[in-house]
N, C-alpha and C. Protein backbone atom coordinates (compact mmCIF):
# COMPACT_ATOMS: atom_id res chain seq x y z
N MET A 1 -98.72 -23.57 135.87
CA MET A 1 -98.35 -23.75 134.16
C MET A 1 -98.42 -25.51 133.48
N SER A 2 -99.34 -25.31 132.38
CA SER A 2 -99.38 -26.85 132.36
C SER A 2 -98.11 -27.43 131.31
N ASP A 3 -97.83 -28.99 131.87
CA ASP A 3 -96.82 -29.71 131.13
C ASP A 3 -97.25 -29.75 129.82
N ILE A 4 -98.24 -29.44 129.20
CA ILE A 4 -98.36 -29.80 127.59
C ILE A 4 -97.86 -29.17 126.76
N HIS A 5 -97.41 -29.49 125.75
CA HIS A 5 -96.45 -28.44 124.92
C HIS A 5 -97.14 -28.84 123.61
N ASP A 6 -97.93 -27.75 122.87
CA ASP A 6 -97.99 -27.88 121.46
C ASP A 6 -97.97 -28.82 120.75
N ASP A 7 -96.43 -29.13 120.56
CA ASP A 7 -95.95 -30.06 119.49
C ASP A 7 -95.68 -31.42 120.01
N ASP A 8 -96.32 -31.85 121.18
CA ASP A 8 -96.79 -32.94 121.79
C ASP A 8 -97.18 -33.62 120.95
N ILE A 9 -96.81 -35.39 120.81
CA ILE A 9 -97.78 -36.26 120.03
C ILE A 9 -98.88 -36.83 120.77
N TRP A 10 -100.02 -37.45 120.11
CA TRP A 10 -100.98 -38.45 120.40
C TRP A 10 -100.54 -39.86 119.96
N VAL A 11 -100.94 -41.02 120.24
CA VAL A 11 -100.80 -42.34 119.95
C VAL A 11 -102.35 -43.05 120.12
N PHE A 12 -102.72 -43.63 119.34
CA PHE A 12 -104.26 -44.55 119.53
C PHE A 12 -103.36 -45.92 119.42
N GLY A 13 -103.39 -46.59 120.88
CA GLY A 13 -103.13 -47.69 120.38
C GLY A 13 -104.94 -48.90 120.58
N TYR A 14 -104.91 -49.33 120.21
CA TYR A 14 -106.15 -50.43 120.27
C TYR A 14 -106.27 -52.41 119.94
N GLY A 15 -104.48 -52.25 120.09
CA GLY A 15 -104.00 -54.03 120.38
C GLY A 15 -102.76 -54.06 121.05
N SER A 16 -101.82 -54.87 120.68
CA SER A 16 -100.73 -54.96 121.77
C SER A 16 -100.16 -53.48 121.89
N LEU A 17 -100.28 -51.94 121.48
CA LEU A 17 -99.88 -50.94 122.04
C LEU A 17 -100.34 -51.10 123.38
N MET A 18 -101.83 -51.27 123.58
CA MET A 18 -102.85 -50.86 124.76
C MET A 18 -101.46 -51.52 125.88
N TRP A 19 -101.48 -52.46 125.70
CA TRP A 19 -100.86 -53.26 126.84
C TRP A 19 -99.35 -53.50 127.15
N ARG A 20 -98.37 -53.23 125.31
CA ARG A 20 -97.34 -53.45 125.71
C ARG A 20 -96.65 -51.72 124.52
N PRO A 21 -96.66 -51.14 124.80
CA PRO A 21 -96.54 -50.03 123.99
C PRO A 21 -95.08 -49.74 123.24
N GLY A 22 -93.82 -49.83 124.61
CA GLY A 22 -92.79 -49.95 124.14
C GLY A 22 -91.83 -48.75 123.54
N PHE A 23 -93.09 -47.38 124.30
CA PHE A 23 -92.44 -46.28 124.16
C PHE A 23 -92.72 -45.18 125.45
N PRO A 24 -91.69 -44.12 125.69
CA PRO A 24 -92.04 -43.44 126.66
C PRO A 24 -93.04 -42.26 126.31
N TYR A 25 -94.19 -41.91 127.54
CA TYR A 25 -95.19 -41.57 127.28
C TYR A 25 -95.07 -40.19 128.54
N GLN A 26 -95.54 -39.28 128.36
CA GLN A 26 -96.16 -38.36 129.33
C GLN A 26 -97.62 -38.54 130.45
N GLU A 27 -98.10 -39.30 129.45
CA GLU A 27 -99.73 -39.39 129.80
C GLU A 27 -100.54 -40.44 128.97
N CYS A 28 -101.09 -41.64 129.66
CA CYS A 28 -102.24 -42.24 128.78
C CYS A 28 -103.68 -42.41 129.18
N GLY A 29 -104.48 -43.06 128.90
CA GLY A 29 -105.80 -43.53 129.22
C GLY A 29 -106.94 -43.62 128.48
N PRO A 30 -107.86 -43.62 128.89
CA PRO A 30 -109.12 -44.37 127.47
C PRO A 30 -109.01 -43.40 126.83
N ALA A 31 -109.26 -43.96 125.19
CA ALA A 31 -109.97 -42.90 124.71
C ALA A 31 -110.84 -43.51 123.54
N ARG A 32 -111.57 -43.01 122.79
CA ARG A 32 -112.01 -43.45 121.72
C ARG A 32 -112.59 -43.18 120.63
N ILE A 33 -112.34 -43.55 119.77
CA ILE A 33 -112.49 -43.27 117.92
C ILE A 33 -113.70 -43.24 117.49
N SER A 34 -114.06 -42.64 116.10
CA SER A 34 -114.91 -42.96 115.31
C SER A 34 -114.43 -43.19 113.86
N GLY A 35 -115.35 -44.17 113.31
CA GLY A 35 -114.76 -44.33 111.77
C GLY A 35 -114.32 -45.75 111.47
N TYR A 36 -113.93 -46.48 112.53
CA TYR A 36 -113.25 -47.73 112.67
C TYR A 36 -113.37 -48.36 114.09
N HIS A 37 -113.79 -49.98 113.85
CA HIS A 37 -113.67 -50.67 114.73
C HIS A 37 -112.37 -51.93 114.51
N ARG A 38 -111.99 -52.34 116.42
CA ARG A 38 -110.87 -53.54 116.72
C ARG A 38 -111.45 -54.57 115.90
N SER A 39 -110.95 -55.28 115.00
CA SER A 39 -111.13 -55.95 113.95
C SER A 39 -109.99 -57.01 113.94
N LEU A 40 -109.98 -58.52 114.07
CA LEU A 40 -108.53 -59.59 113.79
C LEU A 40 -109.25 -60.01 112.24
N CYS A 41 -108.62 -59.06 111.55
CA CYS A 41 -108.25 -58.92 110.50
C CYS A 41 -107.19 -58.77 109.19
N VAL A 42 -106.06 -58.93 109.77
CA VAL A 42 -104.75 -59.06 109.31
C VAL A 42 -103.99 -60.61 109.61
N TYR A 43 -103.70 -61.18 108.13
CA TYR A 43 -103.10 -62.23 108.39
C TYR A 43 -101.55 -61.74 108.66
N SER A 44 -100.83 -62.14 109.95
CA SER A 44 -99.85 -61.61 110.92
C SER A 44 -98.61 -62.69 109.56
N TYR A 45 -97.69 -62.07 109.23
CA TYR A 45 -96.50 -62.39 108.52
C TYR A 45 -95.02 -62.20 109.40
N VAL A 46 -95.20 -61.83 110.38
CA VAL A 46 -94.09 -61.31 111.06
C VAL A 46 -94.24 -61.58 113.00
N HIS A 47 -95.19 -60.51 113.42
CA HIS A 47 -94.80 -60.49 114.56
C HIS A 47 -95.60 -62.09 115.47
N ARG A 48 -96.82 -62.02 114.85
CA ARG A 48 -97.37 -63.48 115.14
C ARG A 48 -97.54 -64.38 114.31
N GLY A 49 -96.55 -64.56 113.01
CA GLY A 49 -97.30 -65.58 112.58
C GLY A 49 -95.98 -65.28 111.14
N THR A 50 -95.99 -66.34 110.35
CA THR A 50 -94.89 -66.17 109.13
C THR A 50 -96.09 -66.39 108.11
N PRO A 51 -95.07 -65.84 106.58
CA PRO A 51 -95.99 -66.10 105.13
C PRO A 51 -96.42 -67.69 105.02
N GLN A 52 -95.64 -68.45 106.04
CA GLN A 52 -95.78 -69.95 105.30
C GLN A 52 -97.13 -70.61 106.51
N GLN A 53 -97.29 -69.85 107.20
CA GLN A 53 -98.25 -69.96 108.23
C GLN A 53 -98.26 -69.24 109.35
N PRO A 54 -99.56 -68.07 108.40
CA PRO A 54 -99.43 -66.90 108.80
C PRO A 54 -100.52 -66.58 110.20
N GLY A 55 -100.37 -66.21 111.11
CA GLY A 55 -101.23 -65.69 112.51
C GLY A 55 -101.87 -64.36 112.01
N LEU A 56 -103.00 -64.17 113.08
CA LEU A 56 -103.96 -63.48 112.82
C LEU A 56 -103.84 -62.15 113.98
N VAL A 57 -104.09 -61.04 113.77
CA VAL A 57 -103.72 -60.03 114.56
C VAL A 57 -104.59 -59.11 113.86
N LEU A 58 -105.05 -58.02 115.12
CA LEU A 58 -105.80 -56.76 114.92
C LEU A 58 -105.35 -55.33 114.35
N GLY A 59 -106.60 -55.16 113.35
CA GLY A 59 -106.18 -54.08 112.76
C GLY A 59 -107.54 -53.35 113.03
N LEU A 60 -107.41 -51.88 112.45
CA LEU A 60 -108.51 -51.08 112.46
C LEU A 60 -109.47 -51.00 111.22
N ASP A 61 -110.38 -51.33 111.31
CA ASP A 61 -111.33 -51.77 109.83
C ASP A 61 -112.27 -50.40 109.71
N ARG A 62 -112.70 -50.49 108.87
CA ARG A 62 -113.49 -49.33 108.25
C ARG A 62 -114.91 -49.65 108.89
N GLY A 63 -115.48 -48.41 109.66
CA GLY A 63 -116.87 -48.49 110.42
C GLY A 63 -117.22 -48.76 111.65
N GLY A 64 -118.19 -48.02 112.33
CA GLY A 64 -118.20 -48.34 114.31
C GLY A 64 -117.47 -47.23 114.76
N ALA A 65 -116.92 -47.86 115.29
CA ALA A 65 -116.30 -47.05 116.60
C ALA A 65 -115.39 -47.76 118.00
N CYS A 66 -113.92 -47.02 118.24
CA CYS A 66 -113.15 -48.61 118.61
C CYS A 66 -112.81 -47.63 120.26
N ARG A 67 -112.58 -48.39 120.89
CA ARG A 67 -112.49 -47.76 122.33
C ARG A 67 -110.49 -48.27 122.78
N GLY A 68 -109.83 -47.60 123.20
CA GLY A 68 -108.77 -47.72 123.36
C GLY A 68 -107.92 -47.02 123.94
N ILE A 69 -106.44 -46.82 124.06
CA ILE A 69 -106.06 -46.07 125.09
C ILE A 69 -104.89 -45.34 124.20
N ALA A 70 -105.32 -43.73 124.44
CA ALA A 70 -104.33 -42.77 124.17
C ALA A 70 -102.92 -42.35 124.63
N PHE A 71 -102.03 -42.37 124.10
CA PHE A 71 -100.70 -41.94 125.02
C PHE A 71 -100.02 -40.33 124.00
N ARG A 72 -100.13 -39.96 125.33
CA ARG A 72 -99.22 -38.24 125.03
C ARG A 72 -97.61 -38.55 124.90
N VAL A 73 -96.66 -38.13 124.20
CA VAL A 73 -95.87 -38.49 123.69
C VAL A 73 -95.08 -37.22 123.86
N ALA A 74 -94.21 -36.69 124.87
CA ALA A 74 -93.07 -35.01 125.00
C ALA A 74 -92.84 -35.20 123.17
N ALA A 75 -92.93 -34.05 122.86
CA ALA A 75 -92.16 -33.43 121.62
C ALA A 75 -90.69 -33.91 121.80
N SER A 76 -89.99 -33.81 122.58
CA SER A 76 -89.07 -33.99 122.46
C SER A 76 -88.41 -35.84 122.48
N ASP A 77 -89.55 -36.82 122.37
CA ASP A 77 -89.31 -38.08 121.84
C ASP A 77 -90.22 -38.14 120.98
N ALA A 78 -90.73 -37.66 120.06
CA ALA A 78 -91.99 -37.68 119.23
C ALA A 78 -91.08 -38.64 118.28
N ALA A 79 -89.61 -37.59 117.71
CA ALA A 79 -89.37 -38.38 116.14
C ALA A 79 -89.10 -39.67 116.61
N ASP A 80 -88.69 -40.01 117.61
CA ASP A 80 -88.11 -41.47 118.02
C ASP A 80 -89.26 -42.73 118.12
N VAL A 81 -90.07 -41.79 118.89
CA VAL A 81 -91.53 -42.28 119.07
C VAL A 81 -91.85 -42.81 117.47
N ILE A 82 -91.95 -42.06 116.74
CA ILE A 82 -92.74 -42.40 115.32
C ILE A 82 -91.67 -43.24 114.78
N ALA A 83 -90.54 -43.09 114.55
CA ALA A 83 -89.63 -44.41 113.57
C ALA A 83 -90.26 -45.51 114.62
N TYR A 84 -90.18 -45.49 116.23
CA TYR A 84 -90.41 -47.19 116.55
C TYR A 84 -91.67 -47.50 116.16
N LEU A 85 -92.57 -46.82 116.10
CA LEU A 85 -94.11 -47.32 115.69
C LEU A 85 -93.96 -47.80 113.81
N ARG A 86 -93.06 -46.97 113.31
CA ARG A 86 -93.11 -47.44 111.92
C ARG A 86 -92.39 -48.84 111.71
N ALA A 87 -91.55 -48.90 112.66
CA ALA A 87 -90.64 -49.99 112.74
C ALA A 87 -91.43 -51.11 112.95
N ARG A 88 -92.25 -51.00 113.67
CA ARG A 88 -92.88 -52.01 114.60
C ARG A 88 -94.51 -52.54 114.19
N GLU A 89 -95.28 -51.33 113.40
CA GLU A 89 -96.11 -51.36 113.03
C GLU A 89 -96.26 -51.73 111.23
N GLN A 90 -95.18 -51.23 110.66
CA GLN A 90 -94.92 -51.07 108.87
C GLN A 90 -94.24 -52.32 108.87
N ALA A 91 -93.76 -53.36 109.21
CA ALA A 91 -93.01 -54.14 108.59
C ALA A 91 -92.92 -54.92 107.64
N THR A 92 -94.70 -54.84 106.71
CA THR A 92 -95.21 -55.30 105.83
C THR A 92 -95.68 -54.38 105.40
N MET A 93 -96.45 -52.93 105.40
CA MET A 93 -97.10 -51.83 104.92
C MET A 93 -98.68 -52.06 104.75
N VAL A 94 -98.99 -53.57 105.85
CA VAL A 94 -100.17 -54.15 105.84
C VAL A 94 -100.95 -52.88 106.62
N TYR A 95 -100.80 -51.43 107.38
CA TYR A 95 -101.29 -50.39 108.12
C TYR A 95 -100.94 -49.05 107.16
N LEU A 96 -102.15 -48.34 107.59
CA LEU A 96 -101.63 -47.05 106.58
C LEU A 96 -101.66 -45.71 108.10
N GLU A 97 -100.79 -45.62 107.78
CA GLU A 97 -100.69 -44.45 109.11
C GLU A 97 -101.70 -43.01 108.92
N LYS A 98 -102.17 -42.86 109.74
CA LYS A 98 -103.54 -41.98 109.96
C LYS A 98 -103.42 -41.35 110.68
N HIS A 99 -104.12 -39.70 111.07
CA HIS A 99 -104.22 -39.35 111.94
C HIS A 99 -105.92 -39.13 112.51
N LEU A 100 -105.82 -39.65 113.59
CA LEU A 100 -107.41 -39.66 113.88
C LEU A 100 -107.76 -39.16 115.13
N THR A 101 -109.12 -38.39 114.98
CA THR A 101 -109.77 -37.83 116.32
C THR A 101 -110.09 -38.50 117.25
N ALA A 102 -109.34 -38.92 118.66
CA ALA A 102 -109.34 -39.70 119.40
C ALA A 102 -109.92 -38.64 120.58
N HIS A 103 -110.98 -39.05 121.66
CA HIS A 103 -111.78 -38.61 122.21
C HIS A 103 -111.45 -38.77 123.76
N LEU A 104 -111.15 -38.12 124.57
CA LEU A 104 -110.57 -38.59 126.02
C LEU A 104 -111.90 -38.36 127.06
N PRO A 105 -112.03 -39.01 128.14
CA PRO A 105 -113.22 -39.12 128.93
C PRO A 105 -113.04 -38.21 129.41
N ASP A 106 -111.83 -36.67 129.45
CA ASP A 106 -112.18 -35.74 130.40
C ASP A 106 -113.10 -34.04 129.33
N GLY A 107 -113.45 -35.07 128.16
CA GLY A 107 -113.72 -34.33 127.11
C GLY A 107 -113.07 -33.70 125.82
N ARG A 108 -111.46 -33.70 126.02
CA ARG A 108 -110.87 -33.40 125.20
C ARG A 108 -111.25 -34.22 123.95
N ARG A 109 -110.84 -33.60 122.51
CA ARG A 109 -110.25 -34.36 121.54
C ARG A 109 -109.18 -34.07 121.06
N VAL A 110 -108.26 -35.08 120.99
CA VAL A 110 -106.54 -34.64 120.34
C VAL A 110 -106.79 -36.01 119.15
N ARG A 111 -105.44 -35.28 118.15
CA ARG A 111 -104.92 -36.00 117.09
C ARG A 111 -104.36 -37.00 117.23
N ALA A 112 -104.60 -37.75 117.15
CA ALA A 112 -103.50 -39.22 117.36
C ALA A 112 -102.87 -39.84 116.31
N LEU A 113 -102.27 -40.07 116.03
CA LEU A 113 -101.59 -41.19 115.21
C LEU A 113 -102.25 -42.50 115.55
N GLY A 114 -102.42 -42.90 114.56
CA GLY A 114 -102.81 -44.06 114.45
C GLY A 114 -103.04 -45.32 113.20
N TYR A 115 -103.11 -46.67 113.08
CA TYR A 115 -102.57 -47.69 112.13
C TYR A 115 -103.76 -48.06 111.51
N VAL A 116 -104.39 -48.08 110.71
CA VAL A 116 -105.86 -48.41 109.70
C VAL A 116 -105.11 -49.44 108.71
N VAL A 117 -106.04 -50.42 109.29
CA VAL A 117 -105.71 -51.97 107.82
C VAL A 117 -105.87 -51.12 106.30
N ASP A 118 -105.31 -51.68 105.59
CA ASP A 118 -104.88 -51.09 104.35
C ASP A 118 -106.10 -52.32 103.50
N GLN A 119 -107.28 -52.36 103.41
CA GLN A 119 -108.33 -53.42 102.57
C GLN A 119 -107.39 -53.67 101.25
N ARG A 120 -106.86 -52.88 100.51
CA ARG A 120 -105.94 -53.91 99.40
C ARG A 120 -105.16 -54.39 99.51
N HIS A 121 -104.19 -54.32 100.60
CA HIS A 121 -103.23 -55.27 101.32
C HIS A 121 -103.38 -56.68 101.11
N GLU A 122 -102.51 -57.35 100.56
CA GLU A 122 -102.70 -58.84 100.74
C GLU A 122 -103.11 -59.62 102.17
N GLN A 123 -102.53 -58.99 103.04
CA GLN A 123 -102.76 -59.46 104.56
C GLN A 123 -103.63 -59.41 104.84
N TYR A 124 -104.70 -58.35 104.24
CA TYR A 124 -106.51 -58.15 104.49
C TYR A 124 -106.80 -59.42 104.88
N ALA A 125 -107.21 -59.76 105.96
CA ALA A 125 -108.21 -60.85 105.95
C ALA A 125 -109.59 -60.59 105.64
N GLY A 126 -110.30 -58.95 105.91
CA GLY A 126 -111.51 -59.17 106.17
C GLY A 126 -111.60 -60.05 107.65
N LYS A 127 -113.45 -60.28 107.15
CA LYS A 127 -114.15 -61.21 108.31
C LYS A 127 -114.29 -62.49 108.22
N LEU A 128 -113.49 -63.40 109.16
CA LEU A 128 -113.71 -64.51 108.60
C LEU A 128 -114.45 -65.50 109.64
N PRO A 129 -114.97 -66.86 109.43
CA PRO A 129 -115.72 -67.27 110.22
C PRO A 129 -114.57 -68.15 111.64
N VAL A 130 -115.57 -67.75 112.75
CA VAL A 130 -114.90 -67.63 113.53
C VAL A 130 -113.96 -68.92 114.02
N GLU A 131 -114.30 -70.17 113.17
CA GLU A 131 -113.36 -71.49 112.84
C GLU A 131 -112.39 -71.40 112.55
N GLU A 132 -112.31 -70.83 111.39
CA GLU A 132 -110.75 -70.01 110.65
C GLU A 132 -110.06 -69.41 111.85
N VAL A 133 -110.95 -68.04 112.40
CA VAL A 133 -109.90 -67.37 112.69
C VAL A 133 -109.64 -68.37 113.88
N LEU A 134 -109.91 -69.12 114.41
CA LEU A 134 -109.48 -69.98 115.57
C LEU A 134 -108.36 -70.82 114.84
N ARG A 135 -108.54 -71.38 113.87
CA ARG A 135 -107.37 -71.96 113.55
C ARG A 135 -106.04 -71.61 113.48
N LEU A 136 -106.32 -70.06 112.22
CA LEU A 136 -104.98 -69.34 112.23
C LEU A 136 -103.97 -68.88 113.64
N VAL A 137 -105.14 -67.91 114.71
CA VAL A 137 -104.61 -67.77 116.21
C VAL A 137 -103.67 -69.12 116.79
N ARG A 138 -104.76 -70.34 116.47
CA ARG A 138 -103.84 -71.40 117.46
C ARG A 138 -102.44 -71.61 117.15
N ARG A 139 -102.26 -71.60 116.01
CA ARG A 139 -101.44 -71.80 115.02
C ARG A 139 -100.05 -70.58 115.16
N GLY A 140 -100.28 -69.68 114.94
CA GLY A 140 -99.65 -68.25 114.50
C GLY A 140 -98.39 -68.78 115.57
N VAL A 141 -97.12 -68.54 114.84
CA VAL A 141 -96.17 -67.97 116.01
C VAL A 141 -94.70 -66.84 114.84
N GLY A 142 -94.44 -66.37 115.72
CA GLY A 142 -93.80 -65.04 114.97
C GLY A 142 -92.61 -64.32 115.52
N VAL A 143 -92.16 -63.19 115.67
CA VAL A 143 -91.13 -63.31 116.50
C VAL A 143 -91.38 -62.29 117.55
N SER A 144 -92.93 -61.95 117.70
CA SER A 144 -93.02 -61.45 118.82
C SER A 144 -94.07 -62.40 119.89
N GLY A 145 -93.57 -63.58 119.37
CA GLY A 145 -94.06 -64.72 120.59
C GLY A 145 -96.08 -64.80 119.42
N ALA A 146 -96.18 -66.24 120.36
CA ALA A 146 -97.60 -67.15 119.35
C ALA A 146 -98.69 -65.82 119.77
N ASN A 147 -99.54 -66.25 118.62
CA ASN A 147 -101.00 -65.88 118.48
C ASN A 147 -101.55 -65.74 119.58
N PRO A 148 -101.84 -66.92 120.29
CA PRO A 148 -102.89 -67.25 121.21
C PRO A 148 -102.39 -66.19 122.57
N GLU A 149 -100.97 -65.90 122.87
CA GLU A 149 -100.66 -64.98 123.58
C GLU A 149 -101.14 -63.40 123.70
N TYR A 150 -100.88 -63.20 122.42
CA TYR A 150 -101.56 -61.75 122.04
C TYR A 150 -102.71 -61.44 122.07
N VAL A 151 -104.06 -62.54 121.50
CA VAL A 151 -105.41 -62.24 121.47
C VAL A 151 -105.68 -62.25 123.18
N LEU A 152 -105.31 -63.23 123.97
CA LEU A 152 -105.53 -63.41 125.44
C LEU A 152 -104.50 -62.12 125.90
N SER A 153 -103.63 -61.74 125.86
CA SER A 153 -103.19 -60.70 126.15
C SER A 153 -104.13 -59.06 126.28
N THR A 154 -104.88 -59.07 124.99
CA THR A 154 -105.27 -57.99 124.29
C THR A 154 -106.71 -58.08 124.79
N TYR A 155 -107.37 -58.98 125.02
CA TYR A 155 -108.73 -59.48 125.44
C TYR A 155 -108.98 -59.38 126.79
N ARG A 156 -107.48 -59.39 127.76
CA ARG A 156 -107.44 -59.12 129.40
C ARG A 156 -107.58 -58.03 129.24
N HIS A 157 -106.76 -57.22 128.29
CA HIS A 157 -106.44 -55.71 128.70
C HIS A 157 -108.24 -55.03 128.34
N LEU A 158 -108.79 -55.81 127.69
CA LEU A 158 -110.17 -54.74 127.25
C LEU A 158 -111.13 -55.25 128.20
N GLU A 159 -110.98 -56.31 128.79
CA GLU A 159 -111.67 -56.47 130.24
C GLU A 159 -111.53 -56.00 131.03
N GLU A 160 -110.03 -55.05 131.53
CA GLU A 160 -110.16 -54.57 132.29
C GLU A 160 -110.50 -53.25 132.40
N MET A 161 -110.27 -52.33 130.91
CA MET A 161 -110.99 -51.54 131.02
C MET A 161 -112.56 -51.17 130.41
N GLY A 162 -112.91 -52.65 130.89
CA GLY A 162 -114.45 -52.65 130.49
C GLY A 162 -114.83 -52.70 129.39
N VAL A 163 -113.87 -53.13 128.44
CA VAL A 163 -114.58 -52.96 126.87
C VAL A 163 -115.23 -54.18 126.65
N ALA A 164 -116.25 -54.49 125.92
CA ALA A 164 -116.78 -55.76 126.10
C ALA A 164 -116.68 -55.91 124.46
N ASP A 165 -116.24 -57.41 123.85
CA ASP A 165 -115.39 -57.79 122.37
C ASP A 165 -116.07 -59.13 122.33
N ALA A 166 -117.65 -59.32 121.46
CA ALA A 166 -118.13 -60.96 121.74
C ALA A 166 -116.57 -61.38 121.30
N LEU A 167 -116.45 -61.41 119.74
CA LEU A 167 -115.52 -61.93 119.06
C LEU A 167 -114.30 -62.92 120.09
N LEU A 168 -113.33 -61.73 120.46
CA LEU A 168 -112.64 -61.80 121.30
C LEU A 168 -112.61 -62.70 122.64
N ALA A 169 -113.84 -62.64 123.09
CA ALA A 169 -114.27 -63.04 124.31
C ALA A 169 -114.38 -64.73 124.13
N ARG A 170 -114.99 -65.09 122.51
CA ARG A 170 -115.35 -66.19 122.16
C ARG A 170 -114.35 -67.06 122.18
N ILE A 171 -113.69 -66.17 120.99
CA ILE A 171 -111.85 -66.79 120.85
C ILE A 171 -111.06 -66.99 122.11
N SER A 172 -111.00 -66.38 123.25
CA SER A 172 -110.04 -66.26 124.22
C SER A 172 -110.57 -67.64 124.98
N LEU A 173 -111.96 -67.67 125.51
CA LEU A 173 -112.55 -68.82 125.95
C LEU A 173 -111.95 -69.86 125.60
N SER A 174 -112.22 -70.15 124.12
CA SER A 174 -111.63 -71.49 123.32
C SER A 174 -110.15 -71.97 123.47
N LEU A 175 -109.33 -70.72 123.46
CA LEU A 175 -107.84 -71.06 123.72
C LEU A 175 -108.00 -71.29 125.24
N ALA A 176 -108.39 -70.77 126.31
CA ALA A 176 -108.34 -70.89 127.25
C ALA A 176 -108.81 -72.54 127.81
N GLU A 177 -109.58 -72.89 126.90
CA GLU A 177 -110.76 -73.82 127.22
C GLU A 177 -109.52 -75.45 126.38
N GLN A 178 -108.54 -74.56 125.53
CA GLN A 178 -107.81 -75.84 124.88
C GLN A 178 -106.52 -75.98 126.22
N ALA A 179 -106.10 -74.98 126.23
CA ALA A 179 -105.26 -75.01 127.03
C ALA A 179 -105.14 -75.93 128.79
N GLN A 180 -106.87 -75.91 129.08
CA GLN A 180 -107.06 -76.79 130.49
C GLN A 180 -106.45 -78.07 129.85
N GLU A 181 -106.99 -78.26 128.65
CA GLU A 181 -107.12 -79.63 127.99
C GLU A 181 -105.66 -80.16 128.09
N ALA A 182 -104.94 -79.46 127.12
CA ALA A 182 -103.77 -79.61 127.25
C ALA A 182 -102.81 -80.25 128.57
N ALA A 183 -103.23 -78.82 129.57
CA ALA A 183 -102.83 -78.98 131.18
C ALA A 183 -103.35 -80.59 131.14
N ARG A 184 -104.44 -80.74 131.38
CA ARG A 184 -104.77 -82.26 131.69
C ARG A 184 -104.15 -83.23 131.25
N ALA A 185 -104.04 -83.15 129.84
CA ALA A 185 -103.62 -84.09 128.80
C ALA A 185 -102.07 -84.30 129.07
N GLY A 186 -101.36 -83.10 129.43
CA GLY A 186 -99.77 -83.38 129.71
C GLY A 186 -99.31 -84.12 131.09
């Protein structure tokens, strides 16, 4: 008998949810969605920055595809998990809550709750020059910690999953070099 119930829900994580979900789940594993790609395209005013000194966090932006993690949440936990995600992801309403089709490696396609950036929101940064991305990430600090920590943790997790992301690789290398220079000077 299967332990999957029809009213279980799925959640798609593509950034910090991959390495710090913060909610109970029954199953998790790699997943792929189409129609959106991972992008450092959101000015962070709460978690990794402030309105006066924004950081930069990931969003699902239009076009392409994204590999991340799908989490199956038991029906009995679904309402609490959705409330938790809304509090975490919707602090400034920069994301649109959507149901996305996630493709799992075993061939299953599941309907997963995900958070897509609202391109009309004032916090939508779009595609910024690498130098500006680095400037924002280096100085961003919010209630969830330092922006460099967020970028480096996400990049490490993607590497572990075998996911290549050229921009995150470049940003992470620059952040690591800066940290080494500071350690030598300090």
